[in-house]
């Protein structure tokens, strides 16, 4: 895939993790001027020296794809500012961004997936609470960094109430192996991207405990029903959860060997404790662990029935055994499928 030369933009990616780096590489391959901001000087120096990122193992990076810890340098003159920090660290990144953002002209593109613990804010709400109104786009969908960086065909969705901004993001990132659709349902796309990580932990538990395909199919099917029930109550559109950021992201995260959330669940299913698992991951973040806490509290607050979310919450935060929770789910009162 050769680099394009037309409609060149400067794109700042704020966050040097695997997904931020993979998306930066996609934009670079499309011919844009890309710079990646990272919070840790040690990692930035290592990438600039070795042209490899430990958060995206095995991928060679271009020598002219710079990484920096200077927020002003990264953001100045950029048409797109991509927020790529993990959701629980996004507040710090956005706070650092605030003095340098041109709110009227620069487009903010969020690729973090989660719900902030404590505030229960979605990422768009978090950004607005710090930055005020911006040209905000959420980019989400089934898109493991390991595959996107290797040009494996992928499709995602860019959602915004600002149609022109969504189309600009579509134009910036779309190519013959990375297809970008547009939508307007920011709430639904954000919630789909966040909630699927919780169900991926459940899918991993099924794998780790040695259960079968029937069990995982049931989990995923009931999971998308639960996701849509809560998502619609919180303002999303039901059809969004049948799309890329809903069932699409749910499928890939529940099934893939690349999924960090499925890995956490798998290790729980094998009998390891959550603390042991998190410590062994060497700073790699599994968003679903914290998102589960936020999703549980949101569901309780909204009065929405979410038995799978509740069950995973009990495993993660109340030390219940996964097989006990599964038994409770299987023995719930009989009901129609559509309830």
C-alpha atoms as a PDB file:
ATOM      1  CA  UNK A   1       0.000   0.000   0.000  1.00  0.00           C
ATOM      2  CA  UNK A   2       1.735   3.168  -1.202  1.00  0.00           C
ATOM      3  CA  UNK A   3       1.451   6.459   0.632  1.00  0.00           C
ATOM      4  CA  UNK A   4      -1.083   8.961  -0.692  1.00  0.00           C
ATOM      5  CA  UNK A   5       0.081  12.485  -1.503  1.00  0.00           C
ATOM      6  CA  UNK A   6      -3.183  14.402  -1.758  1.00  0.00           C
ATOM      7  CA  UNK A   7      -5.091  16.168   1.030  1.00  0.00           C
ATOM      8  CA  UNK A   8      -2.212  15.905   3.489  1.00  0.00           C
ATOM      9  CA  UNK A   9      -3.079  16.684   7.123  1.00  0.00           C
ATOM     10  CA  UNK A  10      -1.120  16.929  10.330  1.00  0.00           C
ATOM     11  CA  UNK A  11      -2.493  14.386  12.781  1.00  0.00           C
ATOM     12  CA  UNK A  12      -1.529  14.284  16.452  1.00  0.00           C
ATOM     13  CA  UNK A  13      -2.045  10.990  18.287  1.00  0.00           C
ATOM     14  CA  UNK A  14      -2.079  11.463  22.062  1.00  0.00           C
ATOM     15  CA  UNK A  15      -1.159   8.110  23.532  1.00  0.00           C
ATOM     16  CA  UNK A  16       1.676   5.792  22.535  1.00  0.00           C
ATOM     17  CA  UNK A  17       0.035   2.464  23.337  1.00  0.00           C
ATOM     18  CA  UNK A  18      -0.595  -0.240  20.786  1.00  0.00           C
ATOM     19  CA  UNK A  19      -3.857   1.071  19.332  1.00  0.00           C
ATOM     20  CA  UNK A  20      -2.680   4.682  19.147  1.00  0.00           C
ATOM     21  CA  UNK A  21       0.499   3.555  17.405  1.00  0.00           C
ATOM     22  CA  UNK A  22      -1.386   1.341  14.949  1.00  0.00           C
ATOM     23  CA  UNK A  23      -3.739   4.182  14.011  1.00  0.00           C
ATOM     24  CA  UNK A  24      -0.800   6.575  13.687  1.00  0.00           C
ATOM     25  CA  UNK A  25       0.816   4.105  11.297  1.00  0.00           C
ATOM     26  CA  UNK A  26      -2.423   3.914   9.275  1.00  0.00           C
ATOM     27  CA  UNK A  27      -2.530   7.698   8.943  1.00  0.00           C
ATOM     28  CA  UNK A  28       1.170   7.787   8.058  1.00  0.00           C
ATOM     29  CA  UNK A  29       0.644   5.202   5.309  1.00  0.00           C
ATOM     30  CA  UNK A  30      -2.126   7.431   3.941  1.00  0.00           C
ATOM     31  CA  UNK A  31       0.453  10.176   3.428  1.00  0.00           C
ATOM     32  CA  UNK A  32      -0.324  12.383   6.432  1.00  0.00           C
ATOM     33  CA  UNK A  33       2.170  14.075   8.718  1.00  0.00           C
ATOM     34  CA  UNK A  34       1.737  12.216  11.998  1.00  0.00           C
ATOM     35  CA  UNK A  35       3.242  12.793  15.441  1.00  0.00           C
ATOM     36  CA  UNK A  36       2.622  10.639  18.512  1.00  0.00           C
ATOM     37  CA  UNK A  37       2.612  12.055  22.039  1.00  0.00           C
ATOM     38  CA  UNK A  38       3.501   9.809  24.962  1.00  0.00           C
ATOM     39  CA  UNK A  39       3.522  10.495  28.683  1.00  0.00           C
ATOM     40  CA  UNK A  40       6.696   8.556  29.485  1.00  0.00           C
ATOM     41  CA  UNK A  41      10.040   9.893  28.235  1.00  0.00           C
ATOM     42  CA  UNK A  42      11.676   6.467  28.496  1.00  0.00           C
ATOM     43  CA  UNK A  43       9.260   4.865  26.039  1.00  0.00           C
ATOM     44  CA  UNK A  44       9.322   7.862  23.662  1.00  0.00           C
ATOM     45  CA  UNK A  45      13.132   7.813  23.597  1.00  0.00           C
ATOM     46  CA  UNK A  46      13.166   4.066  22.964  1.00  0.00           C
ATOM     47  CA  UNK A  47      10.747   4.340  20.031  1.00  0.00           C
ATOM     48  CA  UNK A  48      12.655   7.227  18.445  1.00  0.00           C
ATOM     49  CA  UNK A  49      15.891   5.275  18.820  1.00  0.00           C
ATOM     50  CA  UNK A  50      14.763   1.771  17.815  1.00  0.00           C
ATOM     51  CA  UNK A  51      11.674   2.534  15.678  1.00  0.00           C
ATOM     52  CA  UNK A  52       9.790  -0.163  17.571  1.00  0.00           C
ATOM     53  CA  UNK A  53       7.186   0.186  20.300  1.00  0.00           C
ATOM     54  CA  UNK A  54       7.044  -2.396  23.081  1.00  0.00           C
ATOM     55  CA  UNK A  55       3.271  -1.912  23.188  1.00  0.00           C
ATOM     56  CA  UNK A  56       3.034  -3.107  19.557  1.00  0.00           C
ATOM     57  CA  UNK A  57       5.532  -5.924  19.424  1.00  0.00           C
ATOM     58  CA  UNK A  58       6.973  -7.092  16.125  1.00  0.00           C
ATOM     59  CA  UNK A  59       5.995  -4.031  14.084  1.00  0.00           C
ATOM     60  CA  UNK A  60       8.698  -1.851  12.513  1.00  0.00           C
ATOM     61  CA  UNK A  61       7.878   1.868  12.584  1.00  0.00           C
ATOM     62  CA  UNK A  62       8.979   4.437   9.970  1.00  0.00           C
ATOM     63  CA  UNK A  63      12.040   6.503  10.868  1.00  0.00           C
ATOM     64  CA  UNK A  64      10.078   9.695  10.097  1.00  0.00           C
ATOM     65  CA  UNK A  65       7.160   8.909  12.439  1.00  0.00           C
ATOM     66  CA  UNK A  66       8.201  10.972  15.480  1.00  0.00           C
ATOM     67  CA  UNK A  67       7.222  10.403  19.106  1.00  0.00           C
ATOM     68  CA  UNK A  68       7.367  13.245  21.647  1.00  0.00           C
ATOM     69  CA  UNK A  69       6.494  14.130  25.245  1.00  0.00           C
ATOM     70  CA  UNK A  70       5.863  17.769  24.262  1.00  0.00           C
ATOM     71  CA  UNK A  71       2.085  18.283  24.082  1.00  0.00           C
ATOM     72  CA  UNK A  72       2.370  21.718  22.443  1.00  0.00           C
ATOM     73  CA  UNK A  73       4.650  20.369  19.727  1.00  0.00           C
ATOM     74  CA  UNK A  74       2.263  17.491  19.033  1.00  0.00           C
ATOM     75  CA  UNK A  75      -0.965  19.492  18.865  1.00  0.00           C
ATOM     76  CA  UNK A  76       0.185  22.707  17.193  1.00  0.00           C
ATOM     77  CA  UNK A  77      -1.134  22.936  13.638  1.00  0.00           C
ATOM     78  CA  UNK A  78      -2.877  19.545  13.691  1.00  0.00           C
ATOM     79  CA  UNK A  79      -6.205  19.159  11.910  1.00  0.00           C
ATOM     80  CA  UNK A  80      -7.032  16.008  13.895  1.00  0.00           C
ATOM     81  CA  UNK A  81      -6.158  15.392  17.543  1.00  0.00           C
ATOM     82  CA  UNK A  82      -6.586  11.700  18.376  1.00  0.00           C
ATOM     83  CA  UNK A  83      -7.155  10.734  22.023  1.00  0.00           C
ATOM     84  CA  UNK A  84      -5.565   7.312  22.475  1.00  0.00           C
ATOM     85  CA  UNK A  85      -4.906   7.053  26.219  1.00  0.00           C
ATOM     86  CA  UNK A  86      -6.679   4.262  28.148  1.00  0.00           C
ATOM     87  CA  UNK A  87     -10.042   5.486  29.402  1.00  0.00           C
ATOM     88  CA  UNK A  88      -9.059   5.680  33.082  1.00  0.00           C
ATOM     89  CA  UNK A  89      -6.082   7.906  32.176  1.00  0.00           C
ATOM     90  CA  UNK A  90      -7.864  10.014  29.582  1.00  0.00           C
ATOM     91  CA  UNK A  91      -8.740  12.798  32.027  1.00  0.00           C
ATOM     92  CA  UNK A  92      -5.058  13.529  32.570  1.00  0.00           C
ATOM     93  CA  UNK A  93      -4.356  13.588  28.832  1.00  0.00           C
ATOM     94  CA  UNK A  94      -7.306  15.866  28.062  1.00  0.00           C
ATOM     95  CA  UNK A  95      -6.343  18.206  30.916  1.00  0.00           C
ATOM     96  CA  UNK A  96      -2.838  18.476  29.457  1.00  0.00           C
ATOM     97  CA  UNK A  97      -4.313  19.069  25.995  1.00  0.00           C
ATOM     98  CA  UNK A  98      -6.733  21.832  27.057  1.00  0.00           C
ATOM     99  CA  UNK A  99      -4.334  24.848  26.882  1.00  0.00           C
ATOM    100  CA  UNK A 100      -3.290  24.022  23.315  1.00  0.00           C
ATOM    101  CA  UNK A 101      -6.517  22.923  21.611  1.00  0.00           C
ATOM    102  CA  UNK A 102      -8.179  25.153  19.001  1.00  0.00           C
ATOM    103  CA  UNK A 103     -11.741  24.139  19.838  1.00  0.00           C
ATOM    104  CA  UNK A 104     -13.346  25.671  16.755  1.00  0.00           C
ATOM    105  CA  UNK A 105     -10.976  24.317  14.133  1.00  0.00           C
ATOM    106  CA  UNK A 106      -9.280  21.169  15.427  1.00  0.00           C
ATOM    107  CA  UNK A 107     -11.248  17.924  15.429  1.00  0.00           C
ATOM    108  CA  UNK A 108     -10.994  15.741  18.530  1.00  0.00           C
ATOM    109  CA  UNK A 109     -11.062  12.025  17.673  1.00  0.00           C
ATOM    110  CA  UNK A 110     -11.509   9.653  20.598  1.00  0.00           C
ATOM    111  CA  UNK A 111     -10.393   6.032  20.246  1.00  0.00           C
ATOM    112  CA  UNK A 112     -10.447   5.190  23.983  1.00  0.00           C
ATOM    113  CA  UNK A 113     -13.151   2.754  25.047  1.00  0.00           C
ATOM    114  CA  UNK A 114     -14.537   2.882  28.549  1.00  0.00           C
ATOM    115  CA  UNK A 115     -16.534   4.539  31.303  1.00  0.00           C
ATOM    116  CA  UNK A 116     -14.669   6.657  33.845  1.00  0.00           C
ATOM    117  CA  UNK A 117     -14.885   5.142  37.299  1.00  0.00           C
ATOM    118  CA  UNK A 118     -16.390   7.468  39.890  1.00  0.00           C
ATOM    119  CA  UNK A 119     -17.915  10.004  37.522  1.00  0.00           C
ATOM    120  CA  UNK A 120     -19.539   7.338  35.265  1.00  0.00           C
ATOM    121  CA  UNK A 121     -18.827   9.603  32.298  1.00  0.00           C
ATOM    122  CA  UNK A 122     -18.543   8.379  28.727  1.00  0.00           C
ATOM    123  CA  UNK A 123     -15.475   9.674  26.925  1.00  0.00           C
ATOM    124  CA  UNK A 124     -17.381  12.415  25.069  1.00  0.00           C
ATOM    125  CA  UNK A 125     -18.859  13.610  28.365  1.00  0.00           C
ATOM    126  CA  UNK A 126     -15.424  13.575  29.994  1.00  0.00           C
ATOM    127  CA  UNK A 127     -13.968  15.624  27.136  1.00  0.00           C
ATOM    128  CA  UNK A 128     -16.786  18.156  27.231  1.00  0.00           C
ATOM    129  CA  UNK A 129     -16.426  18.565  31.012  1.00  0.00           C
ATOM    130  CA  UNK A 130     -12.812  19.703  30.503  1.00  0.00           C
ATOM    131  CA  UNK A 131     -12.688  21.165  26.985  1.00  0.00           C
ATOM    132  CA  UNK A 132     -16.224  22.495  26.568  1.00  0.00           C
ATOM    133  CA  UNK A 133     -17.881  21.964  23.197  1.00  0.00           C
ATOM    134  CA  UNK A 134     -15.550  20.690  20.503  1.00  0.00           C
ATOM    135  CA  UNK A 135     -15.757  19.068  17.083  1.00  0.00           C
ATOM    136  CA  UNK A 136     -15.853  15.589  18.614  1.00  0.00           C
ATOM    137  CA  UNK A 137     -15.746  12.259  16.784  1.00  0.00           C
ATOM    138  CA  UNK A 138     -15.588   8.769  18.291  1.00  0.00           C
ATOM    139  CA  UNK A 139     -13.811   6.144  16.169  1.00  0.00           C
ATOM    140  CA  UNK A 140     -14.652   2.595  17.201  1.00  0.00           C
ATOM    141  CA  UNK A 141     -15.232  -0.930  15.971  1.00  0.00           C
ATOM    142  CA  UNK A 142     -13.561  -4.364  15.741  1.00  0.00           C
ATOM    143  CA  UNK A 143      -9.968  -3.263  15.302  1.00  0.00           C
ATOM    144  CA  UNK A 144      -7.173  -5.030  17.165  1.00  0.00           C
ATOM    145  CA  UNK A 145      -3.973  -3.012  16.899  1.00  0.00           C
ATOM    146  CA  UNK A 146      -1.945  -6.130  16.103  1.00  0.00           C
ATOM    147  CA  UNK A 147      -3.963  -6.667  12.922  1.00  0.00           C
ATOM    148  CA  UNK A 148      -4.485  -3.046  11.848  1.00  0.00           C
ATOM    149  CA  UNK A 149      -0.727  -2.423  12.039  1.00  0.00           C
ATOM    150  CA  UNK A 150      -0.180  -5.400   9.724  1.00  0.00           C
ATOM    151  CA  UNK A 151      -2.769  -4.147   7.206  1.00  0.00           C
ATOM    152  CA  UNK A 152      -5.325  -6.869   7.900  1.00  0.00           C
ATOM    153  CA  UNK A 153      -8.652  -5.711   6.355  1.00  0.00           C
ATOM    154  CA  UNK A 154     -10.660  -3.906   9.035  1.00  0.00           C
ATOM    155  CA  UNK A 155     -13.874  -1.840   9.232  1.00  0.00           C
ATOM    156  CA  UNK A 156     -14.717   0.779  11.874  1.00  0.00           C
ATOM    157  CA  UNK A 157     -17.227   3.593  12.393  1.00  0.00           C
ATOM    158  CA  UNK A 158     -16.670   7.330  12.980  1.00  0.00           C
ATOM    159  CA  UNK A 159     -19.628   8.807  14.876  1.00  0.00           C
ATOM    160  CA  UNK A 160     -20.307  12.491  15.429  1.00  0.00           C
ATOM    161  CA  UNK A 161     -23.142  14.994  15.534  1.00  0.00           C
ATOM    162  CA  UNK A 162     -20.844  17.068  13.296  1.00  0.00           C
ATOM    163  CA  UNK A 163     -21.237  15.284   9.949  1.00  0.00           C
ATOM    164  CA  UNK A 164     -18.422  17.235   8.308  1.00  0.00           C
ATOM    165  CA  UNK A 165     -16.043  16.238  11.112  1.00  0.00           C
ATOM    166  CA  UNK A 166     -16.989  12.561  10.798  1.00  0.00           C
ATOM    167  CA  UNK A 167     -16.395  12.685   7.043  1.00  0.00           C
ATOM    168  CA  UNK A 168     -13.018  14.345   7.565  1.00  0.00           C
ATOM    169  CA  UNK A 169     -11.990  11.512   9.896  1.00  0.00           C
ATOM    170  CA  UNK A 170     -13.294   8.999   7.360  1.00  0.00           C
ATOM    171  CA  UNK A 171     -11.203  10.610   4.631  1.00  0.00           C
ATOM    172  CA  UNK A 172      -8.088  10.787   6.787  1.00  0.00           C
ATOM    173  CA  UNK A 173      -7.963   7.131   7.795  1.00  0.00           C
ATOM    174  CA  UNK A 174      -9.790   5.173   5.109  1.00  0.00           C
ATOM    175  CA  UNK A 175      -7.799   3.123   2.593  1.00  0.00           C
ATOM    176  CA  UNK A 176      -8.014  -0.215   0.808  1.00  0.00           C
ATOM    177  CA  UNK A 177      -7.472  -2.222   4.010  1.00  0.00           C
ATOM    178  CA  UNK A 178      -9.041   0.127   6.599  1.00  0.00           C
ATOM    179  CA  UNK A 179     -12.662   0.973   5.847  1.00  0.00           C
ATOM    180  CA  UNK A 180     -14.376   3.768   7.798  1.00  0.00           C
ATOM    181  CA  UNK A 181     -18.148   4.251   7.950  1.00  0.00           C
ATOM    182  CA  UNK A 182     -19.862   7.324   9.441  1.00  0.00           C
ATOM    183  CA  UNK A 183     -22.730   7.606  11.912  1.00  0.00           C
ATOM    184  CA  UNK A 184     -24.347  10.120  14.264  1.00  0.00           C
ATOM    185  CA  UNK A 185     -25.039   7.980  17.349  1.00  0.00           C
ATOM    186  CA  UNK A 186     -22.117   8.970  19.572  1.00  0.00           C
ATOM    187  CA  UNK A 187     -23.779   7.545  22.701  1.00  0.00           C
ATOM    188  CA  UNK A 188     -24.425   4.135  21.165  1.00  0.00           C
ATOM    189  CA  UNK A 189     -21.008   3.829  19.553  1.00  0.00           C
ATOM    190  CA  UNK A 190     -19.232   4.788  22.780  1.00  0.00           C
ATOM    191  CA  UNK A 191     -21.270   2.396  24.910  1.00  0.00           C
ATOM    192  CA  UNK A 192     -20.857  -0.472  22.455  1.00  0.00           C
ATOM    193  CA  UNK A 193     -17.091  -0.014  22.474  1.00  0.00           C
ATOM    194  CA  UNK A 194     -16.989   0.148  26.268  1.00  0.00           C
ATOM    195  CA  UNK A 195     -19.430  -2.578  27.262  1.00  0.00           C
ATOM    196  CA  UNK A 196     -18.113  -5.271  24.915  1.00  0.00           C
ATOM    197  CA  UNK A 197     -14.944  -5.418  27.021  1.00  0.00           C
ATOM    198  CA  UNK A 198     -16.968  -6.605  30.010  1.00  0.00           C
ATOM    199  CA  UNK A 199     -18.541  -9.434  28.017  1.00  0.00           C
ATOM    200  CA  UNK A 200     -15.095 -10.356  26.669  1.00  0.00           C
ATOM    201  CA  UNK A 201     -13.991 -11.070  30.241  1.00  0.00           C
ATOM    202  CA  UNK A 202     -16.964 -13.415  30.533  1.00  0.00           C
ATOM    203  CA  UNK A 203     -16.004 -15.089  27.242  1.00  0.00           C
ATOM    204  CA  UNK A 204     -12.478 -15.606  28.551  1.00  0.00           C
ATOM    205  CA  UNK A 205     -13.794 -17.221  31.725  1.00  0.00           C
ATOM    206  CA  UNK A 206     -15.697 -19.685  29.535  1.00  0.00           C
ATOM    207  CA  UNK A 207     -12.483 -20.527  27.679  1.00  0.00           C
ATOM    208  CA  UNK A 208     -10.366 -20.784  30.818  1.00  0.00           C
ATOM    209  CA  UNK A 209     -12.875 -23.036  32.568  1.00  0.00           C
ATOM    210  CA  UNK A 210     -12.918 -25.388  29.570  1.00  0.00           C
ATOM    211  CA  UNK A 211     -16.515 -24.849  28.527  1.00  0.00           C
ATOM    212  CA  UNK A 212     -17.667 -25.093  24.930  1.00  0.00           C
ATOM    213  CA  UNK A 213     -18.788 -23.198  21.865  1.00  0.00           C
ATOM    214  CA  UNK A 214     -22.442 -23.469  22.912  1.00  0.00           C
ATOM    215  CA  UNK A 215     -21.666 -21.629  26.115  1.00  0.00           C
ATOM    216  CA  UNK A 216     -19.762 -18.843  24.388  1.00  0.00           C
ATOM    217  CA  UNK A 217     -22.462 -18.425  21.734  1.00  0.00           C
ATOM    218  CA  UNK A 218     -25.076 -18.072  24.472  1.00  0.00           C
ATOM    219  CA  UNK A 219     -22.907 -15.545  26.304  1.00  0.00           C
ATOM    220  CA  UNK A 220     -22.332 -13.413  23.215  1.00  0.00           C
ATOM    221  CA  UNK A 221     -25.978 -13.481  22.145  1.00  0.00           C
ATOM    222  CA  UNK A 222     -27.327 -12.570  25.548  1.00  0.00           C
ATOM    223  CA  UNK A 223     -24.489 -10.086  25.932  1.00  0.00           C
ATOM    224  CA  UNK A 224     -25.529  -8.067  22.883  1.00  0.00           C
ATOM    225  CA  UNK A 225     -29.119  -8.085  24.187  1.00  0.00           C
ATOM    226  CA  UNK A 226     -27.925  -6.779  27.550  1.00  0.00           C
ATOM    227  CA  UNK A 227     -25.663  -4.201  25.898  1.00  0.00           C
ATOM    228  CA  UNK A 228     -28.533  -2.865  23.795  1.00  0.00           C
ATOM    229  CA  UNK A 229     -30.939  -2.792  26.741  1.00  0.00           C
ATOM    230  CA  UNK A 230     -28.602  -0.643  28.809  1.00  0.00           C
ATOM    231  CA  UNK A 231     -27.399   1.385  25.816  1.00  0.00           C
ATOM    232  CA  UNK A 232     -30.892   2.382  24.696  1.00  0.00           C
ATOM    233  CA  UNK A 233     -31.816   3.366  28.252  1.00  0.00           C
ATOM    234  CA  UNK A 234     -28.773   5.651  28.344  1.00  0.00           C
ATOM    235  CA  UNK A 235     -29.617   7.329  25.041  1.00  0.00           C
ATOM    236  CA  UNK A 236     -28.154   5.125  22.315  1.00  0.00           C
ATOM    237  CA  UNK A 237     -30.030   3.861  19.263  1.00  0.00           C
ATOM    238  CA  UNK A 238     -30.902   0.151  19.236  1.00  0.00           C
ATOM    239  CA  UNK A 239     -29.675  -0.384  15.674  1.00  0.00           C
ATOM    240  CA  UNK A 240     -26.193   0.850  16.627  1.00  0.00           C
ATOM    241  CA  UNK A 241     -25.675  -2.242  18.773  1.00  0.00           C
ATOM    242  CA  UNK A 242     -26.224  -4.436  15.702  1.00  0.00           C
ATOM    243  CA  UNK A 243     -23.372  -2.630  13.948  1.00  0.00           C
ATOM    244  CA  UNK A 244     -19.595  -2.456  14.036  1.00  0.00           C
ATOM    245  CA  UNK A 245     -19.257  -0.878  17.474  1.00  0.00           C
ATOM    246  CA  UNK A 246     -21.804  -3.278  18.981  1.00  0.00           C
ATOM    247  CA  UNK A 247     -21.950  -6.860  17.816  1.00  0.00           C
ATOM    248  CA  UNK A 248     -18.897  -6.405  15.563  1.00  0.00           C
ATOM    249  CA  UNK A 249     -16.600  -5.348  18.386  1.00  0.00           C
ATOM    250  CA  UNK A 250     -18.223  -7.871  20.724  1.00  0.00           C
ATOM    251  CA  UNK A 251     -17.418 -10.751  18.363  1.00  0.00           C
ATOM    252  CA  UNK A 252     -13.773  -9.837  17.840  1.00  0.00           C
ATOM    253  CA  UNK A 253     -13.096  -9.122  21.516  1.00  0.00           C
ATOM    254  CA  UNK A 254     -14.755 -12.294  22.767  1.00  0.00           C
ATOM    255  CA  UNK A 255     -13.056 -14.538  20.182  1.00  0.00           C
ATOM    256  CA  UNK A 256      -9.590 -13.141  19.504  1.00  0.00           C
ATOM    257  CA  UNK A 257      -6.254 -14.258  20.929  1.00  0.00           C
ATOM    258  CA  UNK A 258      -5.280 -10.563  20.815  1.00  0.00           C
ATOM    259  CA  UNK A 259      -7.978  -9.524  23.312  1.00  0.00           C
ATOM    260  CA  UNK A 260      -6.527  -8.448  26.637  1.00  0.00           C
ATOM    261  CA  UNK A 261      -9.967  -8.570  28.245  1.00  0.00           C
ATOM    262  CA  UNK A 262     -10.609 -12.125  27.059  1.00  0.00           C
ATOM    263  CA  UNK A 263      -7.157 -13.029  28.427  1.00  0.00           C
ATOM    264  CA  UNK A 264      -8.038 -11.666  31.876  1.00  0.00           C
ATOM    265  CA  UNK A 265     -11.203 -13.753  31.856  1.00  0.00           C
ATOM    266  CA  UNK A 266      -9.363 -16.844  30.671  1.00  0.00           C
ATOM    267  CA  UNK A 267      -6.899 -16.595  33.530  1.00  0.00           C
ATOM    268  CA  UNK A 268      -9.756 -16.057  36.007  1.00  0.00           C
ATOM    269  CA  UNK A 269     -11.403 -19.177  34.592  1.00  0.00           C
ATOM    270  CA  UNK A 270      -8.189 -21.104  35.270  1.00  0.00           C
ATOM    271  CA  UNK A 271      -8.291 -20.062  38.921  1.00  0.00           C
ATOM    272  CA  UNK A 272      -5.812 -17.155  39.091  1.00  0.00           C
ATOM    273  CA  UNK A 273      -6.672 -14.055  41.114  1.00  0.00           C
ATOM    274  CA  UNK A 274      -7.308 -10.694  39.467  1.00  0.00           C
ATOM    275  CA  UNK A 275      -4.337  -9.095  41.243  1.00  0.00           C
ATOM    276  CA  UNK A 276      -1.996 -11.798  39.954  1.00  0.00           C
ATOM    277  CA  UNK A 277      -3.264 -11.372  36.409  1.00  0.00           C
ATOM    278  CA  UNK A 278      -2.994  -7.570  36.375  1.00  0.00           C
ATOM    279  CA  UNK A 279       0.539  -7.635  37.792  1.00  0.00           C
ATOM    280  CA  UNK A 280       1.637 -10.110  35.125  1.00  0.00           C
ATOM    281  CA  UNK A 281       0.412  -7.885  32.265  1.00  0.00           C
ATOM    282  CA  UNK A 282       3.319  -5.392  32.604  1.00  0.00           C
ATOM    283  CA  UNK A 283       1.356  -2.115  32.278  1.00  0.00           C
ATOM    284  CA  UNK A 284      -0.841  -3.406  29.434  1.00  0.00           C
ATOM    285  CA  UNK A 285      -4.381  -2.239  30.250  1.00  0.00           C
ATOM    286  CA  UNK A 286      -7.481  -4.432  30.093  1.00  0.00           C
ATOM    287  CA  UNK A 287     -10.198  -1.765  29.909  1.00  0.00           C
ATOM    288  CA  UNK A 288     -13.031  -4.138  30.820  1.00  0.00           C
ATOM    289  CA  UNK A 289     -11.914  -4.503  34.440  1.00  0.00           C
ATOM    290  CA  UNK A 290     -12.625  -0.858  35.299  1.00  0.00           C
ATOM    291  CA  UNK A 291     -15.428  -0.518  32.753  1.00  0.00           C
ATOM    292  CA  UNK A 292     -17.291  -3.321  34.519  1.00  0.00           C
ATOM    293  CA  UNK A 293     -17.367  -1.241  37.683  1.00  0.00           C
ATOM    294  CA  UNK A 294     -18.754   1.757  35.795  1.00  0.00           C
ATOM    295  CA  UNK A 295     -21.245  -0.342  33.809  1.00  0.00           C
ATOM    296  CA  UNK A 296     -22.528  -1.995  36.975  1.00  0.00           C
ATOM    297  CA  UNK A 297     -23.094   1.359  38.651  1.00  0.00           C
ATOM    298  CA  UNK A 298     -24.718   2.857  35.544  1.00  0.00           C
ATOM    299  CA  UNK A 299     -27.116  -0.076  35.272  1.00  0.00           C
ATOM    300  CA  UNK A 300     -28.034   0.154  38.946  1.00  0.00           C
ATOM    301  CA  UNK A 301     -28.603   3.894  38.620  1.00  0.00           C
ATOM    302  CA  UNK A 302     -30.707   3.478  35.462  1.00  0.00           C
ATOM    303  CA  UNK A 303     -32.724   0.554  36.859  1.00  0.00           C
ATOM    304  CA  UNK A 304     -31.721  -1.734  33.964  1.00  0.00           C
ATOM    305  CA  UNK A 305     -31.425  -5.508  34.365  1.00  0.00           C
ATOM    306  CA  UNK A 306     -27.875  -6.603  33.443  1.00  0.00           C
ATOM    307  CA  UNK A 307     -27.314 -10.107  34.848  1.00  0.00           C
ATOM    308  CA  UNK A 308     -24.057 -10.784  32.966  1.00  0.00           C
ATOM    309  CA  UNK A 309     -22.507  -7.449  33.914  1.00  0.00           C
ATOM    310  CA  UNK A 310     -23.618  -8.046  37.499  1.00  0.00           C
ATOM    311  CA  UNK A 311     -22.079 -11.514  37.477  1.00  0.00           C
ATOM    312  CA  UNK A 312     -18.718 -10.329  36.159  1.00  0.00           C
ATOM    313  CA  UNK A 313     -18.763  -7.508  38.719  1.00  0.00           C
ATOM    314  CA  UNK A 314     -19.187 -10.096  41.482  1.00  0.00           C
ATOM    315  CA  UNK A 315     -16.239 -12.111  40.149  1.00  0.00           C
ATOM    316  CA  UNK A 316     -13.968  -9.058  39.840  1.00  0.00           C
ATOM    317  CA  UNK A 317     -14.938  -7.098  42.942  1.00  0.00           C
ATOM    318  CA  UNK A 318     -16.655  -9.512  45.351  1.00  0.00           C
ATOM    319  CA  UNK A 319     -14.352 -12.511  44.873  1.00  0.00           C
ATOM    320  CA  UNK A 320     -17.102 -14.866  43.777  1.00  0.00           C
ATOM    321  CA  UNK A 321     -16.100 -18.007  41.914  1.00  0.00           C
ATOM    322  CA  UNK A 322     -16.809 -17.819  38.168  1.00  0.00           C
ATOM    323  CA  UNK A 323     -18.551 -21.214  38.107  1.00  0.00           C
ATOM    324  CA  UNK A 324     -20.868 -20.131  40.923  1.00  0.00           C
ATOM    325  CA  UNK A 325     -21.868 -17.054  38.938  1.00  0.00           C
ATOM    326  CA  UNK A 326     -22.435 -19.172  35.812  1.00  0.00           C
ATOM    327  CA  UNK A 327     -24.688 -21.503  37.796  1.00  0.00           C
ATOM    328  CA  UNK A 328     -26.721 -18.514  38.999  1.00  0.00           C
ATOM    329  CA  UNK A 329     -27.101 -17.238  35.412  1.00  0.00           C
ATOM    330  CA  UNK A 330     -28.208 -20.630  34.097  1.00  0.00           C
ATOM    331  CA  UNK A 331     -30.741 -21.093  36.910  1.00  0.00           C
ATOM    332  CA  UNK A 332     -32.458 -17.731  36.633  1.00  0.00           C
ATOM    333  CA  UNK A 333     -36.243 -17.729  36.317  1.00  0.00           C
ATOM    334  CA  UNK A 334     -37.485 -18.872  32.898  1.00  0.00           C
ATOM    335  CA  UNK A 335     -38.564 -16.034  30.613  1.00  0.00           C
ATOM    336  CA  UNK A 336     -39.254 -15.176  26.929  1.00  0.00           C
ATOM    337  CA  UNK A 337     -36.127 -14.600  24.832  1.00  0.00           C
ATOM    338  CA  UNK A 338     -37.037 -11.016  23.981  1.00  0.00           C
ATOM    339  CA  UNK A 339     -37.203  -9.926  27.632  1.00  0.00           C
END
